[in-house]
Every structure is written in C-alpha cells, then in structure tokens.
C-alpha cells in the first residue's frame, strides 16, 4: 500500500519539476513572432508546395514581410491570397490565376516507342539514360514524374499514356513544370483567350516528325499564314502566340493539319 502511495508522490514531484523546467526554458528560449509574418502566413494556402520559390509557407511569409519576395508570389493561393496579403501590407496587389497545360499530344497510339525500356520507371531517369523512351525525343515519356510531384492531386496518368490535369484542383504551383524533364508543362493564365500549341517537337526534319508521332507539328506554316492579326509566329519550329494581338478567331486552329493548335477549356 505504502509503495503505491510513494510511487504516486514521487511521480507527482517529478511531473511538477519537469513542468517548472519547461516553463523556465520556454521563457529563456522564447523567440518573439513578428505579427506581420503571422498575418501573412494566415493568408497563404498552407500547401507548402514551394511554387513561390521558397522552402515553404513560413519561409515565404517571412520573406514577404521583409520585402525579399513579391506579395503575389503564392501561386497556389491565387488572386484571393494576393489580395489578402496586400491588405496586410496596406498595398494593392494583383495576381492572375494560372494552371498547367501539357504541350504534347503524343499518346501511346500515335507516338511510337523506340524499344523496350527496362530501366527505372522515371521520366528524369529515362531522359538521362536513353534520352527518353519514344522516337520523338521531345514528347511525353509517360512515367508520371509530374503526377508524383503534384501536392494537390491535380494530375493523373490517362489511359492514352499522357498526364491528365484536373483544372478544378490545379493551383498553378509549377511543381509539375519543374518535374518534367522535357519541359512539356507550361503555366497559362486561366483568362487566356486564344489557342495553345500542344506540341514541343522542335525538329526541322519534317518527314521524320510524322513517322515518329502522327500528332506532331510538321512546320507547314499554315497557322502563321492564316493569322490576319499577326499574332502567331513560328519560333524554333513551333507556333508562338502573342495573346495581346490574338483575336480568338480560330483560323489557325482550323488550318492546322495535325490539330496541334487547340482551344483548351480552362477554369473561369
């Protein structure tokens, strides 16, 4: 009986001593929190995706408060986040919501494989080791590095072998953009009006393009010739649209024989 009582008393005393020590240590090593940083942090999405270029939301909030980062740098938070941060800083902040768009139509049915690949199932590994698995070295390798990088579960690999982006979930954080070794994912503002080029093949060998991928850009130049607004130019063999000039007429889309140019349904 006394053993139990002594045990309870000793446990209570130890707990009391530890509690006092913790309280003392908390006061000794207390680091004051900048109220501005805390308010900015509360405005962020909390995804810690790194799309802002910093280690996480805490690091970004501190950088904004110290003037080392732009208030509209949180791509995952979008315009509403930028506006909230601006209210904390007392300045007007503008930001455009962005999403990722895949610049490749090389499905497994139209883009031929070079052979059987037995290496690590990673786009980056396949790119480094054998320059990709398909005959078109510019196309999607298809192992889903972009899927693995997405913090918001916005990308899935489709049955056709290409990544499919769920625009209701995509925040434009750019992690998938950085993960793709062939640079096939590009950030586009959701209010973009005009077509998007869905091919990244920069080869100048026109006959081989169709042999390697039926959906590739064959550099015929019909899109550029059909654009009466002068908004489209072929740069390094690929259509580049100047959206400040584009009238959204769709003539370039109609004239493209391989349907490389297309209107992409983006969230509004």
Protein backbone atom coordinates (compact mmCIF):
# COMPACT_ATOMS: atom_id res chain seq x y z
CA UNK A 1 0.00 0.00 0.00
CA UNK A 2 2.74 2.48 1.00
CA UNK A 3 4.67 1.53 -2.13
CA UNK A 4 1.79 2.75 -4.28
CA UNK A 5 1.48 5.99 -2.28
CA UNK A 6 5.22 6.68 -2.50
CA UNK A 7 5.13 6.00 -6.24
CA UNK A 8 2.28 8.46 -6.76
CA UNK A 9 4.02 11.13 -4.65
CA UNK A 10 7.35 10.70 -6.47
CA UNK A 11 5.60 10.79 -9.87
CA UNK A 12 3.78 13.99 -8.87
CA UNK A 13 7.00 15.66 -7.72
CA UNK A 14 8.85 14.68 -10.90
CA UNK A 15 5.99 15.98 -13.05
CA UNK A 16 5.96 19.25 -11.10
CA UNK A 17 9.72 19.71 -11.50
CA UNK A 18 9.56 18.95 -15.23
CA UNK A 19 6.67 21.37 -15.67
CA UNK A 20 8.60 24.13 -13.90
CA UNK A 21 11.70 23.41 -16.01
CA UNK A 22 9.69 23.56 -19.22
CA UNK A 23 8.19 26.88 -18.19
CA UNK A 24 11.63 28.30 -17.41
CA UNK A 25 13.10 27.01 -20.68
CA UNK A 26 10.18 28.49 -22.63
CA UNK A 27 10.88 31.92 -21.16
CA UNK A 28 14.64 31.63 -21.65
CA UNK A 29 14.47 30.50 -25.27
CA UNK A 30 11.31 32.32 -26.35
CA UNK A 31 11.56 33.74 -29.87
CA UNK A 32 9.15 36.62 -30.49
CA UNK A 33 6.91 36.17 -33.53
CA UNK A 34 6.55 39.06 -35.94
CA UNK A 35 2.84 39.90 -36.04
CA UNK A 36 3.05 40.85 -39.71
CA UNK A 37 4.62 37.48 -40.60
CA UNK A 38 1.87 35.66 -38.70
CA UNK A 39 -0.85 37.58 -40.53
CA UNK A 40 0.74 36.94 -43.94
CA UNK A 41 1.14 33.25 -43.09
CA UNK A 42 -2.57 33.05 -42.28
CA UNK A 43 -3.37 34.30 -45.80
CA UNK A 44 -1.45 31.52 -47.55
CA UNK A 45 -2.83 28.26 -48.86
CA UNK A 46 -0.80 26.13 -46.46
CA UNK A 47 0.21 23.69 -49.18
CA UNK A 48 3.96 24.16 -48.61
CA UNK A 49 4.31 23.36 -52.32
CA UNK A 50 7.37 25.50 -52.96
CA UNK A 51 5.82 27.13 -56.02
CA UNK A 52 6.81 30.52 -54.61
CA UNK A 53 10.48 29.55 -54.77
CA UNK A 54 10.89 29.29 -51.01
CA UNK A 55 11.15 26.29 -48.70
CA UNK A 56 7.55 26.58 -47.55
CA UNK A 57 4.76 28.90 -46.47
CA UNK A 58 6.56 30.04 -43.29
CA UNK A 59 9.70 30.97 -45.21
CA UNK A 60 7.69 32.78 -47.89
CA UNK A 61 5.65 34.74 -45.33
CA UNK A 62 8.85 35.93 -43.64
CA UNK A 63 10.37 36.89 -46.99
CA UNK A 64 7.30 38.94 -47.94
CA UNK A 65 7.29 40.73 -44.59
CA UNK A 66 10.98 41.58 -45.03
CA UNK A 67 10.48 42.74 -48.63
CA UNK A 68 12.51 39.87 -50.14
CA UNK A 69 9.55 38.38 -52.03
CA UNK A 70 6.62 39.75 -54.02
CA UNK A 71 3.20 39.64 -52.29
CA UNK A 72 1.67 37.83 -55.28
CA UNK A 73 4.26 35.04 -55.17
CA UNK A 74 1.91 32.40 -53.76
CA UNK A 75 0.72 30.80 -57.00
CA UNK A 76 -1.25 28.14 -55.14
CA UNK A 77 -3.29 30.77 -53.32
CA UNK A 78 -4.07 32.72 -56.47
CA UNK A 79 -5.59 36.21 -56.69
CA UNK A 80 -7.57 35.93 -53.44
CA UNK A 81 -4.39 35.14 -51.50
CA UNK A 82 -2.50 38.02 -53.12
CA UNK A 83 -5.33 40.41 -52.29
CA UNK A 84 -5.38 39.29 -48.65
CA UNK A 85 -1.61 39.76 -48.33
CA UNK A 86 -1.95 43.20 -49.89
CA UNK A 87 -4.47 44.15 -47.22
CA UNK A 88 -2.00 43.10 -44.52
CA UNK A 89 0.75 45.17 -46.13
CA UNK A 90 -1.55 48.06 -46.95
CA UNK A 91 -0.83 47.93 -50.69
CA UNK A 92 -2.79 46.95 -53.79
CA UNK A 93 -1.65 43.57 -55.12
CA UNK A 94 -2.73 41.96 -58.38
CA UNK A 95 -2.31 38.34 -59.40
CA UNK A 96 -3.62 36.08 -62.14
CA UNK A 97 -4.77 32.53 -61.52
CA UNK A 98 -2.71 30.03 -63.51
CA UNK A 99 -2.92 26.34 -64.39
CA UNK A 100 -0.62 23.87 -66.14
CA UNK A 101 -1.17 22.89 -69.77
CA UNK A 102 0.53 19.90 -71.41
CA UNK A 103 2.26 20.77 -74.70
CA UNK A 104 2.21 17.25 -76.13
CA UNK A 105 -0.34 15.08 -77.94
CA UNK A 106 1.92 12.06 -78.27
CA UNK A 107 -0.41 9.36 -76.96
CA UNK A 108 0.73 5.75 -76.88
CA UNK A 109 -1.32 5.10 -80.02
CA UNK A 110 0.26 7.79 -82.19
CA UNK A 111 3.78 8.22 -80.74
CA UNK A 112 5.99 5.22 -81.38
CA UNK A 113 8.31 3.73 -78.75
CA UNK A 114 11.99 3.32 -79.57
CA UNK A 115 12.05 -0.11 -77.98
CA UNK A 116 11.60 -1.85 -74.65
CA UNK A 117 12.80 0.22 -71.73
CA UNK A 118 13.89 -1.77 -68.65
CA UNK A 119 15.36 1.00 -66.52
CA UNK A 120 13.98 2.97 -63.59
CA UNK A 121 10.37 3.98 -64.25
CA UNK A 122 11.03 7.69 -64.04
CA UNK A 123 10.85 10.33 -66.76
CA UNK A 124 14.00 12.01 -65.47
CA UNK A 125 15.94 8.71 -65.34
CA UNK A 126 14.82 7.70 -68.83
CA UNK A 127 15.75 11.13 -70.18
CA UNK A 128 19.23 11.00 -68.69
CA UNK A 129 19.97 7.37 -69.58
CA UNK A 130 18.50 6.93 -73.09
CA UNK A 131 17.08 10.38 -73.97
CA UNK A 132 13.51 9.19 -73.44
CA UNK A 133 11.60 6.07 -74.46
CA UNK A 134 9.86 7.35 -77.59
CA UNK A 135 11.12 8.02 -81.09
CA UNK A 136 10.13 11.65 -80.57
CA UNK A 137 12.72 12.82 -78.05
CA UNK A 138 10.67 15.96 -77.37
CA UNK A 139 7.47 14.17 -76.29
CA UNK A 140 6.00 12.96 -73.02
CA UNK A 141 7.94 9.98 -71.66
CA UNK A 142 4.90 8.87 -69.67
CA UNK A 143 6.23 7.62 -66.34
CA UNK A 144 4.39 10.29 -64.35
CA UNK A 145 7.07 12.37 -62.65
CA UNK A 146 4.58 15.24 -62.89
CA UNK A 147 1.94 13.14 -61.10
CA UNK A 148 4.34 12.31 -58.26
CA UNK A 149 5.31 15.97 -57.88
CA UNK A 150 1.74 17.31 -57.58
CA UNK A 151 0.91 18.22 -53.99
CA UNK A 152 -2.73 18.88 -54.83
CA UNK A 153 -3.60 15.57 -56.56
CA UNK A 154 -4.44 17.51 -59.73
CA UNK A 155 -2.67 15.23 -62.24
CA UNK A 156 -3.37 11.61 -63.17
CA UNK A 157 -1.95 9.44 -65.94
CA UNK A 158 -4.62 8.81 -68.56
CA UNK A 159 -5.27 5.58 -70.40
CA UNK A 160 -3.71 7.12 -73.51
CA UNK A 161 -0.34 7.39 -71.73
CA UNK A 162 -0.45 11.16 -71.20
CA UNK A 163 -0.99 13.07 -67.95
CA UNK A 164 -4.49 14.49 -67.47
CA UNK A 165 -4.85 17.71 -65.47
CA UNK A 166 -7.86 18.32 -63.26
CA UNK A 167 -8.27 22.08 -63.52
CA UNK A 168 -10.65 22.15 -60.56
CA UNK A 169 -7.68 21.14 -58.39
CA UNK A 170 -4.71 22.67 -60.22
CA UNK A 171 -3.31 25.71 -58.38
CA UNK A 172 -0.55 26.64 -60.80
CA UNK A 173 2.14 25.95 -58.21
CA UNK A 174 4.56 24.94 -61.04
CA UNK A 175 5.93 21.81 -59.32
CA UNK A 176 4.93 19.68 -62.29
CA UNK A 177 6.51 22.23 -64.62
CA UNK A 178 9.84 21.77 -62.86
CA UNK A 179 9.47 17.99 -62.64
CA UNK A 180 9.06 17.39 -66.39
CA UNK A 181 12.49 16.74 -67.98
CA UNK A 182 11.17 17.63 -71.44
CA UNK A 183 9.57 20.88 -70.26
CA UNK A 184 6.16 19.95 -71.64
CA UNK A 185 4.06 21.56 -68.92
CA UNK A 186 3.56 25.32 -69.09
CA UNK A 187 1.69 27.73 -66.84
CA UNK A 188 -1.16 29.54 -68.57
CA UNK A 189 -3.42 32.18 -67.06
CA UNK A 190 -7.00 30.95 -66.77
CA UNK A 191 -8.36 34.00 -68.59
CA UNK A 192 -6.18 33.33 -71.66
CA UNK A 193 -8.16 33.85 -74.86
CA UNK A 194 -6.73 32.13 -77.88
CA UNK A 195 -5.30 28.77 -78.94
CA UNK A 196 -2.45 26.88 -77.30
CA UNK A 197 0.24 24.92 -79.14
CA UNK A 198 0.08 21.28 -77.99
CA UNK A 199 3.39 20.10 -79.40
CA UNK A 200 7.03 20.66 -78.40
CA UNK A 201 8.83 18.95 -81.29
CA UNK A 202 11.47 21.40 -82.46
CA UNK A 203 12.95 19.10 -85.11
CA UNK A 204 13.36 20.53 -88.60
CA UNK A 205 13.20 17.12 -90.27
CA UNK A 206 9.58 17.24 -91.44
CA UNK A 207 9.29 13.70 -92.87
CA UNK A 208 10.54 12.12 -89.64
CA UNK A 209 8.07 14.06 -87.48
CA UNK A 210 5.03 12.28 -88.90
CA UNK A 211 6.87 8.96 -88.73
CA UNK A 212 7.59 9.42 -85.04
CA UNK A 213 4.27 10.97 -84.00
CA UNK A 214 1.09 11.40 -86.02
CA UNK A 215 0.04 14.37 -83.90
CA UNK A 216 3.29 16.32 -84.21
CA UNK A 217 3.75 19.80 -85.64
CA UNK A 218 5.03 19.39 -89.23
CA UNK A 219 6.23 23.01 -89.55
CA UNK A 220 3.99 23.71 -92.57
CA UNK A 221 3.43 27.31 -91.51
CA UNK A 222 -0.30 27.33 -92.33
CA UNK A 223 -1.10 28.68 -88.87
CA UNK A 224 1.20 31.67 -89.31
CA UNK A 225 -0.14 32.43 -92.79
CA UNK A 226 -3.76 32.19 -91.66
CA UNK A 227 -3.33 34.66 -88.79
CA UNK A 228 -4.51 38.04 -90.13
CA UNK A 229 -3.80 39.73 -86.79
CA UNK A 230 -0.10 38.91 -86.89
CA UNK A 231 -0.39 37.25 -83.51
CA UNK A 232 1.28 33.96 -84.43
CA UNK A 233 4.86 33.29 -85.42
CA UNK A 234 6.88 30.12 -85.81
CA UNK A 235 9.77 30.28 -83.36
CA UNK A 236 12.27 27.41 -83.40
CA UNK A 237 9.76 25.47 -85.46
CA UNK A 238 6.84 25.87 -83.05
CA UNK A 239 3.80 28.20 -83.07
CA UNK A 240 4.11 31.01 -80.53
CA UNK A 241 1.01 33.14 -79.90
CA UNK A 242 1.09 36.77 -78.83
CA UNK A 243 -2.11 36.91 -76.77
CA UNK A 244 -2.06 40.70 -76.73
CA UNK A 245 -2.73 40.59 -80.51
CA UNK A 246 -4.78 37.37 -80.75
CA UNK A 247 -8.43 37.98 -81.66
CA UNK A 248 -9.51 34.43 -80.80
CA UNK A 249 -10.83 33.97 -84.35
CA UNK A 250 -9.75 30.32 -84.55
CA UNK A 251 -8.47 30.43 -88.15
CA UNK A 252 -5.10 28.97 -87.13
CA UNK A 253 -6.87 26.13 -85.32
CA UNK A 254 -8.93 25.30 -88.41
CA UNK A 255 -5.90 25.40 -90.68
CA UNK A 256 -3.63 23.12 -88.63
CA UNK A 257 -3.49 19.71 -90.42
CA UNK A 258 -2.35 17.81 -87.32
CA UNK A 259 -4.52 19.73 -84.85
CA UNK A 260 -1.53 20.96 -82.87
CA UNK A 261 -3.28 24.25 -82.16
CA UNK A 262 -6.35 23.94 -79.98
CA UNK A 263 -8.58 25.87 -77.62
CA UNK A 264 -8.07 24.50 -74.12
CA UNK A 265 -11.02 24.57 -71.73
CA UNK A 266 -9.61 26.38 -68.69
CA UNK A 267 -11.48 27.13 -65.44
CA UNK A 268 -13.04 30.56 -65.15
